[in-house]
Amino acid sequence: MVDNIEIMEADDVDVHTLDKLVSVRVSIVRGGERVKGMAKHRAQDECGKLRGRSNPNPLLDLSEYYFEFEDGGSDHYIADIIAESIFSQVDEEGREHLLVDEVVGHRKTDAALTRDN
């Protein structure tokens, strides 16, 4: 303890809790098309060691993540690919822009405006 502040041992810290990309939802290119998914956790090798090398610069970060897609599929992605997907989907103020593929079930009533009025 230092000045009544408890300092945790490094072995007691869950690296997944502190990781900035765990639980990030993003559209990522898979098989030539964009699909939505989430980075679930850092990928580990057979010995439990984290795969890849971290870097404070997200475009140079080579940490590997286990990624699950909304359709139930999964794959491993490197942090720089995930970061690139995030940056490509937001503007310089951090706003996300989504495109509409189609409108389903649209209806209108007689009260709807027309081009004439």
C-alpha atoms as a PDB file:
ATOM      1  CA  MET A   1       0.000   0.000   0.000  1.00  0.00           C
ATOM      2  CA  VAL A   2       1.107   3.504  -0.848  1.00  0.00           C
ATOM      3  CA  ASP A   3      -0.711   6.345   0.927  1.00  0.00           C
ATOM      4  CA  ASN A   4      -3.694   4.037   1.595  1.00  0.00           C
ATOM      5  CA  ILE A   5      -3.969   3.116  -2.096  1.00  0.00           C
ATOM      6  CA  GLU A   6      -3.792  -0.583  -2.801  1.00  0.00           C
ATOM      7  CA  ILE A   7      -1.619  -1.433  -5.800  1.00  0.00           C
ATOM      8  CA  MET A   8      -2.549  -4.614  -7.603  1.00  0.00           C
ATOM      9  CA  GLU A   9       0.046  -7.147  -8.631  1.00  0.00           C
ATOM     10  CA  ALA A  10       0.511  -7.455 -12.394  1.00  0.00           C
ATOM     11  CA  ASP A  11      -0.489 -11.137 -12.235  1.00  0.00           C
ATOM     12  CA  ASP A  12      -3.810 -10.179 -10.611  1.00  0.00           C
ATOM     13  CA  VAL A  13      -4.865  -7.836 -13.426  1.00  0.00           C
ATOM     14  CA  ASP A  14      -7.101  -9.258 -16.151  1.00  0.00           C
ATOM     15  CA  VAL A  15      -5.544  -8.042 -19.410  1.00  0.00           C
ATOM     16  CA  HIS A  16      -8.893  -8.410 -21.197  1.00  0.00           C
ATOM     17  CA  THR A  17     -10.502  -5.870 -18.856  1.00  0.00           C
ATOM     18  CA  LEU A  18      -7.862  -3.241 -19.616  1.00  0.00           C
ATOM     19  CA  ASP A  19      -7.673  -3.853 -23.357  1.00  0.00           C
ATOM     20  CA  LYS A  20      -9.014  -0.968 -25.444  1.00  0.00           C
ATOM     21  CA  LEU A  21     -10.320  -3.139 -28.318  1.00  0.00           C
ATOM     22  CA  VAL A  22     -12.095  -5.891 -26.360  1.00  0.00           C
ATOM     23  CA  SER A  23     -15.880  -5.503 -26.825  1.00  0.00           C
ATOM     24  CA  VAL A  24     -15.478  -3.091 -29.751  1.00  0.00           C
ATOM     25  CA  ARG A  25     -18.242  -3.544 -32.328  1.00  0.00           C
ATOM     26  CA  VAL A  26     -17.273  -2.769 -35.907  1.00  0.00           C
ATOM     27  CA  SER A  27     -18.034  -3.679 -39.506  1.00  0.00           C
ATOM     28  CA  ILE A  28     -15.060  -5.503 -40.938  1.00  0.00           C
ATOM     29  CA  VAL A  29     -14.384  -6.957 -44.388  1.00  0.00           C
ATOM     30  CA  ARG A  30     -14.729 -10.736 -44.468  1.00  0.00           C
ATOM     31  CA  GLY A  31     -14.864 -12.681 -47.705  1.00  0.00           C
ATOM     32  CA  GLY A  32     -15.170  -9.520 -49.789  1.00  0.00           C
ATOM     33  CA  GLU A  33     -18.139  -8.037 -47.917  1.00  0.00           C
ATOM     34  CA  ARG A  34     -18.590  -5.957 -44.755  1.00  0.00           C
ATOM     35  CA  VAL A  35     -20.060  -7.787 -41.784  1.00  0.00           C
ATOM     36  CA  LYS A  36     -20.634  -6.599 -38.224  1.00  0.00           C
ATOM     37  CA  GLY A  37     -18.926  -8.250 -35.314  1.00  0.00           C
ATOM     38  CA  MET A  38     -17.148  -7.761 -32.011  1.00  0.00           C
ATOM     39  CA  ALA A  39     -13.617  -8.302 -30.713  1.00  0.00           C
ATOM     40  CA  LYS A  40     -14.233 -10.771 -27.878  1.00  0.00           C
ATOM     41  CA  HIS A  41     -10.719 -11.151 -26.427  1.00  0.00           C
ATOM     42  CA  ARG A  42      -7.027 -11.237 -27.250  1.00  0.00           C
ATOM     43  CA  ALA A  43      -5.982 -14.381 -29.064  1.00  0.00           C
ATOM     44  CA  GLN A  44      -3.656 -16.733 -27.189  1.00  0.00           C
ATOM     45  CA  ASP A  45      -1.257 -19.441 -28.280  1.00  0.00           C
ATOM     46  CA  GLU A  46      -1.262 -23.043 -26.967  1.00  0.00           C
ATOM     47  CA  CYS A  47       0.656 -21.963 -23.826  1.00  0.00           C
ATOM     48  CA  GLY A  48      -1.782 -19.148 -22.998  1.00  0.00           C
ATOM     49  CA  LYS A  49       0.597 -16.401 -24.111  1.00  0.00           C
ATOM     50  CA  LEU A  50      -1.036 -13.434 -25.861  1.00  0.00           C
ATOM     51  CA  ARG A  51      -0.418 -13.447 -29.622  1.00  0.00           C
ATOM     52  CA  GLY A  52       1.011 -10.412 -31.391  1.00  0.00           C
ATOM     53  CA  ARG A  53       2.868  -7.349 -30.172  1.00  0.00           C
ATOM     54  CA  SER A  54       1.103  -4.331 -28.673  1.00  0.00           C
ATOM     55  CA  ASN A  55       1.909  -0.780 -29.714  1.00  0.00           C
ATOM     56  CA  PRO A  56       0.401   2.482 -28.410  1.00  0.00           C
ATOM     57  CA  ASN A  57      -0.115   3.562 -32.027  1.00  0.00           C
ATOM     58  CA  PRO A  58      -3.250   1.639 -33.149  1.00  0.00           C
ATOM     59  CA  LEU A  59      -2.025   1.458 -36.744  1.00  0.00           C
ATOM     60  CA  LEU A  60       1.198  -0.248 -35.624  1.00  0.00           C
ATOM     61  CA  ASP A  61      -0.443  -2.533 -33.044  1.00  0.00           C
ATOM     62  CA  LEU A  62       0.021  -6.196 -34.030  1.00  0.00           C
ATOM     63  CA  SER A  63      -2.008  -7.680 -31.159  1.00  0.00           C
ATOM     64  CA  GLU A  64      -4.233 -10.498 -32.378  1.00  0.00           C
ATOM     65  CA  TYR A  65      -7.924 -10.670 -31.409  1.00  0.00           C
ATOM     66  CA  TYR A  66     -10.619 -13.323 -31.534  1.00  0.00           C
ATOM     67  CA  PHE A  67     -13.494 -11.718 -33.444  1.00  0.00           C
ATOM     68  CA  GLU A  68     -17.118 -12.994 -33.493  1.00  0.00           C
ATOM     69  CA  PHE A  69     -19.559 -11.969 -36.222  1.00  0.00           C
ATOM     70  CA  GLU A  70     -23.321 -11.436 -35.951  1.00  0.00           C
ATOM     71  CA  ASP A  71     -23.915 -14.409 -38.258  1.00  0.00           C
ATOM     72  CA  GLY A  72     -22.172 -16.728 -35.757  1.00  0.00           C
ATOM     73  CA  GLY A  73     -18.850 -16.956 -37.603  1.00  0.00           C
ATOM     74  CA  SER A  74     -15.519 -16.108 -36.030  1.00  0.00           C
ATOM     75  CA  ASP A  75     -11.942 -15.358 -37.036  1.00  0.00           C
ATOM     76  CA  HIS A  76      -8.727 -13.782 -35.757  1.00  0.00           C
ATOM     77  CA  TYR A  77      -7.841 -10.208 -36.712  1.00  0.00           C
ATOM     78  CA  ILE A  78      -4.820  -8.036 -36.008  1.00  0.00           C
ATOM     79  CA  ALA A  79      -5.487  -4.811 -34.052  1.00  0.00           C
ATOM     80  CA  ASP A  80      -4.349  -2.568 -36.906  1.00  0.00           C
ATOM     81  CA  ILE A  81      -7.043  -4.053 -39.195  1.00  0.00           C
ATOM     82  CA  ILE A  82      -9.713  -3.514 -36.515  1.00  0.00           C
ATOM     83  CA  ALA A  83      -8.494   0.069 -35.919  1.00  0.00           C
ATOM     84  CA  GLU A  84      -8.471   0.762 -39.662  1.00  0.00           C
ATOM     85  CA  SER A  85     -12.085  -0.458 -39.875  1.00  0.00           C
ATOM     86  CA  ILE A  86     -13.080   1.779 -36.957  1.00  0.00           C
ATOM     87  CA  PHE A  87     -11.363   4.842 -38.465  1.00  0.00           C
ATOM     88  CA  SER A  88     -12.957   4.222 -41.873  1.00  0.00           C
ATOM     89  CA  GLN A  89     -16.446   4.309 -40.327  1.00  0.00           C
ATOM     90  CA  VAL A  90     -16.216   7.595 -38.390  1.00  0.00           C
ATOM     91  CA  ASP A  91     -15.612  11.195 -39.416  1.00  0.00           C
ATOM     92  CA  GLU A  92     -13.053  13.558 -37.884  1.00  0.00           C
ATOM     93  CA  GLU A  93     -15.459  14.361 -35.025  1.00  0.00           C
ATOM     94  CA  GLY A  94     -15.992  10.699 -34.137  1.00  0.00           C
ATOM     95  CA  ARG A  95     -19.490  10.366 -35.616  1.00  0.00           C
ATOM     96  CA  GLU A  96     -20.374   7.044 -37.188  1.00  0.00           C
ATOM     97  CA  HIS A  97     -22.038   7.039 -40.604  1.00  0.00           C
ATOM     98  CA  LEU A  98     -24.135   4.079 -41.676  1.00  0.00           C
ATOM     99  CA  LEU A  99     -25.480   3.301 -45.131  1.00  0.00           C
ATOM    100  CA  VAL A 100     -28.941   1.878 -45.733  1.00  0.00           C
ATOM    101  CA  ASP A 101     -29.052  -1.153 -48.016  1.00  0.00           C
ATOM    102  CA  GLU A 102     -32.810  -1.217 -48.481  1.00  0.00           C
ATOM    103  CA  VAL A 103     -36.115  -0.091 -46.999  1.00  0.00           C
ATOM    104  CA  VAL A 104     -38.412  -2.973 -46.053  1.00  0.00           C
ATOM    105  CA  GLY A 105     -42.153  -2.790 -45.376  1.00  0.00           C
ATOM    106  CA  HIS A 106     -42.626   0.882 -46.339  1.00  0.00           C
ATOM    107  CA  ARG A 107     -46.259   2.027 -46.492  1.00  0.00           C
ATOM    108  CA  LYS A 108     -48.000   5.378 -46.895  1.00  0.00           C
ATOM    109  CA  THR A 109     -51.516   6.609 -46.198  1.00  0.00           C
ATOM    110  CA  ASP A 110     -53.710   9.021 -48.134  1.00  0.00           C
ATOM    111  CA  ALA A 111     -52.534  11.756 -45.738  1.00  0.00           C
ATOM    112  CA  ALA A 112     -48.953  11.543 -47.062  1.00  0.00           C
ATOM    113  CA  LEU A 113     -47.616  14.516 -48.988  1.00  0.00           C
ATOM    114  CA  THR A 114     -47.098  14.195 -52.716  1.00  0.00           C
ATOM    115  CA  ARG A 115     -44.692  16.048 -55.004  1.00  0.00           C
ATOM    116  CA  ASP A 116     -47.542  18.385 -56.017  1.00  0.00           C
ATOM    117  CA  ASN A 117     -48.227  19.663 -52.479  1.00  0.00           C
END
